[in-house]
């Protein structure tokens, strides 16, 4: 699970760079309870990744949640992030 999260974070960073945005990464907690926060600073987008889900919040405070038990969660999440960055 941790490997998939790190892989997803790398994809988000590459996507943000592709559109010319700065990324900051913050890790909260350890092991199973780790929460990752990716902030795409100049786009106003925050991605929060927990053990169970990925929550993406836009600059207006609207959020969309993707459950990690669904097999397509990371592709759907990346697609949604790309939509926000365009």
C-alpha atoms as a PDB file:
ATOM      1  CA  UNK A   1       0.000   0.000   0.000  1.00  0.00           C
ATOM      2  CA  UNK A   2       2.780   2.438   0.915  1.00  0.00           C
ATOM      3  CA  UNK A   3       4.524   1.724  -2.405  1.00  0.00           C
ATOM      4  CA  UNK A   4       1.333   2.585  -4.328  1.00  0.00           C
ATOM      5  CA  UNK A   5       1.011   5.852  -2.407  1.00  0.00           C
ATOM      6  CA  UNK A   6       4.595   6.896  -3.145  1.00  0.00           C
ATOM      7  CA  UNK A   7       4.101   6.015  -6.804  1.00  0.00           C
ATOM      8  CA  UNK A   8       0.901   8.092  -6.885  1.00  0.00           C
ATOM      9  CA  UNK A   9       2.646  11.069  -5.244  1.00  0.00           C
ATOM     10  CA  UNK A  10       5.370  10.943  -7.910  1.00  0.00           C
ATOM     11  CA  UNK A  11       2.708  10.960 -10.648  1.00  0.00           C
ATOM     12  CA  UNK A  12       0.970  13.975  -9.097  1.00  0.00           C
ATOM     13  CA  UNK A  13       4.303  15.820  -8.920  1.00  0.00           C
ATOM     14  CA  UNK A  14       5.042  15.084 -12.590  1.00  0.00           C
ATOM     15  CA  UNK A  15       1.541  16.167 -13.620  1.00  0.00           C
ATOM     16  CA  UNK A  16       1.867  19.454 -11.729  1.00  0.00           C
ATOM     17  CA  UNK A  17       5.292  20.098 -13.269  1.00  0.00           C
ATOM     18  CA  UNK A  18       3.866  19.402 -16.722  1.00  0.00           C
ATOM     19  CA  UNK A  19       1.433  22.283 -16.210  1.00  0.00           C
ATOM     20  CA  UNK A  20       4.074  24.532 -14.631  1.00  0.00           C
ATOM     21  CA  UNK A  21       2.920  24.370 -11.013  1.00  0.00           C
ATOM     22  CA  UNK A  22       4.965  24.186  -7.790  1.00  0.00           C
ATOM     23  CA  UNK A  23       4.397  21.260  -5.425  1.00  0.00           C
ATOM     24  CA  UNK A  24       4.974  20.926  -1.699  1.00  0.00           C
ATOM     25  CA  UNK A  25       4.676  17.663   0.189  1.00  0.00           C
ATOM     26  CA  UNK A  26       3.945  17.112   3.875  1.00  0.00           C
ATOM     27  CA  UNK A  27       3.852  13.838   5.765  1.00  0.00           C
ATOM     28  CA  UNK A  28       1.835  13.498   8.961  1.00  0.00           C
ATOM     29  CA  UNK A  29       2.137  10.425  11.161  1.00  0.00           C
ATOM     30  CA  UNK A  30       3.887   7.124  10.698  1.00  0.00           C
ATOM     31  CA  UNK A  31       3.152   3.675   9.262  1.00  0.00           C
ATOM     32  CA  UNK A  32      -0.529   2.826   8.703  1.00  0.00           C
ATOM     33  CA  UNK A  33      -1.699   6.173  10.103  1.00  0.00           C
ATOM     34  CA  UNK A  34       0.397   8.245   7.711  1.00  0.00           C
ATOM     35  CA  UNK A  35      -1.409  11.077   5.972  1.00  0.00           C
ATOM     36  CA  UNK A  36       0.223  12.686   2.953  1.00  0.00           C
ATOM     37  CA  UNK A  37      -0.675  16.207   1.841  1.00  0.00           C
ATOM     38  CA  UNK A  38       0.368  17.382  -1.583  1.00  0.00           C
ATOM     39  CA  UNK A  39      -0.170  21.068  -2.177  1.00  0.00           C
ATOM     40  CA  UNK A  40      -0.080  22.334  -5.747  1.00  0.00           C
ATOM     41  CA  UNK A  41       0.617  25.833  -4.526  1.00  0.00           C
ATOM     42  CA  UNK A  42      -0.117  28.234  -7.339  1.00  0.00           C
ATOM     43  CA  UNK A  43      -3.148  26.195  -8.460  1.00  0.00           C
ATOM     44  CA  UNK A  44      -4.773  26.166  -5.018  1.00  0.00           C
ATOM     45  CA  UNK A  45      -5.204  22.382  -5.116  1.00  0.00           C
ATOM     46  CA  UNK A  46      -4.576  20.094  -2.160  1.00  0.00           C
ATOM     47  CA  UNK A  47      -4.440  16.300  -2.318  1.00  0.00           C
ATOM     48  CA  UNK A  48      -4.802  14.437   0.969  1.00  0.00           C
ATOM     49  CA  UNK A  49      -3.944  10.741   0.901  1.00  0.00           C
ATOM     50  CA  UNK A  50      -4.854   8.438   3.774  1.00  0.00           C
ATOM     51  CA  UNK A  51      -4.813   4.666   4.039  1.00  0.00           C
ATOM     52  CA  UNK A  52      -8.438   4.527   2.858  1.00  0.00           C
ATOM     53  CA  UNK A  53      -8.928   7.396   0.434  1.00  0.00           C
ATOM     54  CA  UNK A  54      -7.642  10.287  -1.635  1.00  0.00           C
ATOM     55  CA  UNK A  55      -9.377  13.642  -1.112  1.00  0.00           C
ATOM     56  CA  UNK A  56      -8.768  16.412  -3.637  1.00  0.00           C
ATOM     57  CA  UNK A  57      -9.756  19.960  -2.717  1.00  0.00           C
ATOM     58  CA  UNK A  58      -9.805  22.823  -5.219  1.00  0.00           C
ATOM     59  CA  UNK A  59      -9.070  26.506  -4.601  1.00  0.00           C
ATOM     60  CA  UNK A  60     -12.752  27.209  -3.838  1.00  0.00           C
ATOM     61  CA  UNK A  61     -12.852  24.573  -1.083  1.00  0.00           C
ATOM     62  CA  UNK A  62     -14.807  22.003  -3.083  1.00  0.00           C
ATOM     63  CA  UNK A  63     -13.581  18.472  -2.536  1.00  0.00           C
ATOM     64  CA  UNK A  64     -13.945  15.118  -4.192  1.00  0.00           C
ATOM     65  CA  UNK A  65     -13.092  11.806  -2.542  1.00  0.00           C
ATOM     66  CA  UNK A  66     -11.763   8.657  -4.199  1.00  0.00           C
ATOM     67  CA  UNK A  67     -11.898   5.425  -2.177  1.00  0.00           C
ATOM     68  CA  UNK A  68      -8.667   3.440  -2.416  1.00  0.00           C
ATOM     69  CA  UNK A  69     -10.468   0.086  -2.338  1.00  0.00           C
ATOM     70  CA  UNK A  70     -11.670   0.835  -5.870  1.00  0.00           C
ATOM     71  CA  UNK A  71      -9.140  -0.409  -8.410  1.00  0.00           C
ATOM     72  CA  UNK A  72      -9.228   2.745 -10.548  1.00  0.00           C
ATOM     73  CA  UNK A  73      -8.858   5.261  -7.709  1.00  0.00           C
ATOM     74  CA  UNK A  74      -5.435   6.540  -8.748  1.00  0.00           C
ATOM     75  CA  UNK A  75      -6.260   6.988 -12.453  1.00  0.00           C
ATOM     76  CA  UNK A  76      -9.527   8.707 -11.597  1.00  0.00           C
ATOM     77  CA  UNK A  77      -7.755  10.924  -9.055  1.00  0.00           C
ATOM     78  CA  UNK A  78      -5.039  11.893 -11.536  1.00  0.00           C
ATOM     79  CA  UNK A  79      -7.664  12.675 -14.165  1.00  0.00           C
ATOM     80  CA  UNK A  80      -9.539  14.913 -11.732  1.00  0.00           C
ATOM     81  CA  UNK A  81      -6.320  16.708 -10.707  1.00  0.00           C
ATOM     82  CA  UNK A  82      -5.447  17.279 -14.355  1.00  0.00           C
ATOM     83  CA  UNK A  83      -8.893  18.787 -14.946  1.00  0.00           C
ATOM     84  CA  UNK A  84      -8.293  21.231 -12.073  1.00  0.00           C
ATOM     85  CA  UNK A  85      -4.861  22.189 -13.408  1.00  0.00           C
ATOM     86  CA  UNK A  86      -6.018  22.932 -16.964  1.00  0.00           C
END
